[in-house]
Protein backbone atom coordinates (compact mmCIF):
# COMPACT_ATOMS: atom_id res chain seq x y z
CA MET A 1 85.07 91.52 92.04
CA ALA A 2 86.49 89.93 95.21
CA ALA A 3 86.64 91.41 98.71
CA MET A 4 89.87 89.40 99.43
CA PRO A 5 91.58 89.08 96.02
CA PHE A 6 94.83 87.62 97.36
CA GLU A 7 95.34 84.19 98.97
CA SER A 8 94.54 85.14 102.53
CA SER A 9 92.41 83.99 105.39
CA LEU A 10 90.73 85.80 108.18
CA VAL A 11 92.40 86.35 111.62
CA VAL A 12 90.76 87.52 114.70
CA LEU A 13 93.45 89.56 116.70
CA THR A 14 92.80 90.35 120.37
CA MET A 15 94.69 93.44 121.57
CA THR A 16 94.82 96.41 123.95
CA GLY A 17 94.01 99.88 122.77
CA VAL A 18 97.64 100.77 122.84
CA GLN A 19 98.43 98.11 120.41
CA LEU A 20 95.44 99.03 118.15
CA ARG A 21 96.62 102.54 118.01
CA ARG A 22 100.03 101.41 116.96
CA MET A 23 98.49 99.54 114.03
CA PHE A 24 96.89 102.82 112.77
CA ASP A 25 100.26 104.84 113.51
CA HIS A 26 102.12 102.43 111.27
CA GLY A 27 99.53 102.50 108.50
CA ILE A 28 100.07 106.31 108.07
CA SER A 29 103.68 106.47 108.89
CA LYS A 30 104.86 106.39 105.17
CA PHE A 31 102.30 109.05 104.04
CA THR A 32 103.49 112.17 102.39
CA TRP A 33 101.79 114.83 100.52
CA ALA A 34 103.61 113.97 97.33
CA ASN A 35 101.77 113.36 94.09
CA ASP A 36 101.84 109.68 94.68
CA PRO A 37 101.47 109.06 98.48
CA GLU A 38 102.61 105.83 99.79
CA GLY A 39 100.94 104.32 102.83
CA SER A 40 99.81 100.99 104.18
CA PHE A 41 96.22 102.32 104.97
CA LEU A 42 93.91 100.06 107.02
CA GLN A 43 90.55 99.75 105.44
CA VAL A 44 88.16 99.55 108.46
CA SER A 45 84.43 99.26 109.38
CA GLY A 46 83.05 100.18 112.76
CA MET A 47 85.86 102.64 113.68
CA ARG A 48 86.52 106.25 113.35
CA VAL A 49 90.14 107.66 113.01
CA THR A 50 91.56 111.07 112.69
CA TYR A 51 95.38 111.89 111.98
CA ASN A 52 97.31 114.90 112.93
CA PHE A 53 100.24 115.51 110.62
CA SER A 54 101.78 118.00 112.82
CA PHE A 55 102.42 115.07 115.23
CA PRO A 56 105.78 113.14 114.99
CA ASN A 57 105.64 110.39 112.34
CA ALA A 58 105.29 107.37 114.60
CA CYS A 59 102.33 108.77 116.49
CA ARG A 60 100.09 110.61 114.07
CA THR A 61 96.82 108.96 115.36
CA ASP A 62 94.88 111.74 117.02
CA THR A 63 91.52 110.23 117.77
CA LEU A 64 90.56 106.61 117.45
CA GLN A 65 86.88 105.50 118.34
CA ILE A 66 85.27 102.11 118.03
CA LEU A 67 81.57 101.26 117.48
CA CYS A 68 80.17 99.99 120.98
CA ALA A 69 79.39 96.36 120.62
CA ASN A 70 77.15 96.28 123.74
CA CYS A 71 75.05 99.42 123.09
CA SER A 72 71.41 99.12 122.14
CA VAL A 73 71.66 102.29 120.14
CA PRO A 74 74.80 102.39 118.16
CA LYS A 75 77.40 104.90 119.25
CA TYR A 76 81.18 105.26 118.87
CA GLU A 77 83.35 105.30 121.99
CA PHE A 78 87.10 106.35 122.39
CA VAL A 79 89.55 103.49 122.35
CA GLN A 80 90.95 103.02 125.97
CA PRO A 81 94.58 102.49 126.14
CA ASP A 82 94.01 99.51 128.56
CA GLY A 83 90.77 98.14 126.86
CA ILE A 84 90.65 94.90 125.23
CA TYR A 85 89.55 94.90 121.62
CA LYS A 86 89.11 92.12 119.05
CA ILE A 87 89.48 92.85 115.37
CA VAL A 88 89.41 90.75 112.12
CA THR A 89 92.03 91.24 109.68
CA THR A 90 93.80 89.30 106.90
CA SER A 91 96.50 86.73 107.59
CA PHE A 92 98.78 89.01 105.34
CA ILE A 93 98.57 91.88 107.87
CA ALA A 94 98.40 89.61 110.87
CA GLY A 95 101.46 87.94 109.49
CA GLY A 96 103.49 91.15 109.27
CA GLY A 97 102.60 92.09 105.72
CA ASP A 98 103.16 95.82 104.74
CA GLY A 99 105.44 96.07 107.94
CA PHE A 100 102.80 95.58 110.53
CA LYS A 101 104.14 94.13 113.72
CA PHE A 102 102.48 92.84 116.64
CA ASP A 103 103.62 92.30 120.35
CA ASP A 104 103.79 88.75 121.29
CA GLU A 105 100.96 89.46 123.68
CA VAL A 106 98.48 90.01 120.88
CA LYS A 107 96.45 86.76 120.65
CA ARG A 108 95.64 85.29 117.25
CA SER A 109 92.89 83.00 116.23
CA ILE A 110 92.49 81.82 112.68
CA GLU A 111 88.90 81.83 111.34
CA PRO A 112 88.24 79.30 108.63
CA THR A 113 86.72 81.18 105.53
CA ARG A 114 85.38 79.94 102.23
CA GLU A 115 83.76 81.78 99.30
CA GLY A 116 80.48 83.33 100.30
CA THR A 117 81.37 83.56 104.16
CA LYS A 118 79.38 86.00 105.92
CA ILE A 119 81.21 88.16 108.51
CA GLY A 120 79.42 89.58 111.52
CA THR A 121 76.08 87.90 111.03
């Protein structure tokens, strides 16, 4: 089983907390409680997210936390609107796949990958 089954590379995106929250809002924007729910759900690690379906469709992300990168004891911190965050995603998502759109201010850097590449080691 491949972790990245589609032809894609890894991209590092540098963005603000506001931009990061927009990603999660988009990922849940098509969700309904129908038998076959549609969504572009982000699969994440090192983050915690809760959604509130009583919120308007474009802003259902209620809480968004990220694992502290500089803490000696692991803990989650709330994403700050003006904070700067680096995330790793696929070139599919970074390129607008599943309708994800990014401001021009979001910085992109492509990380070369090959089979067997370890991330975060």
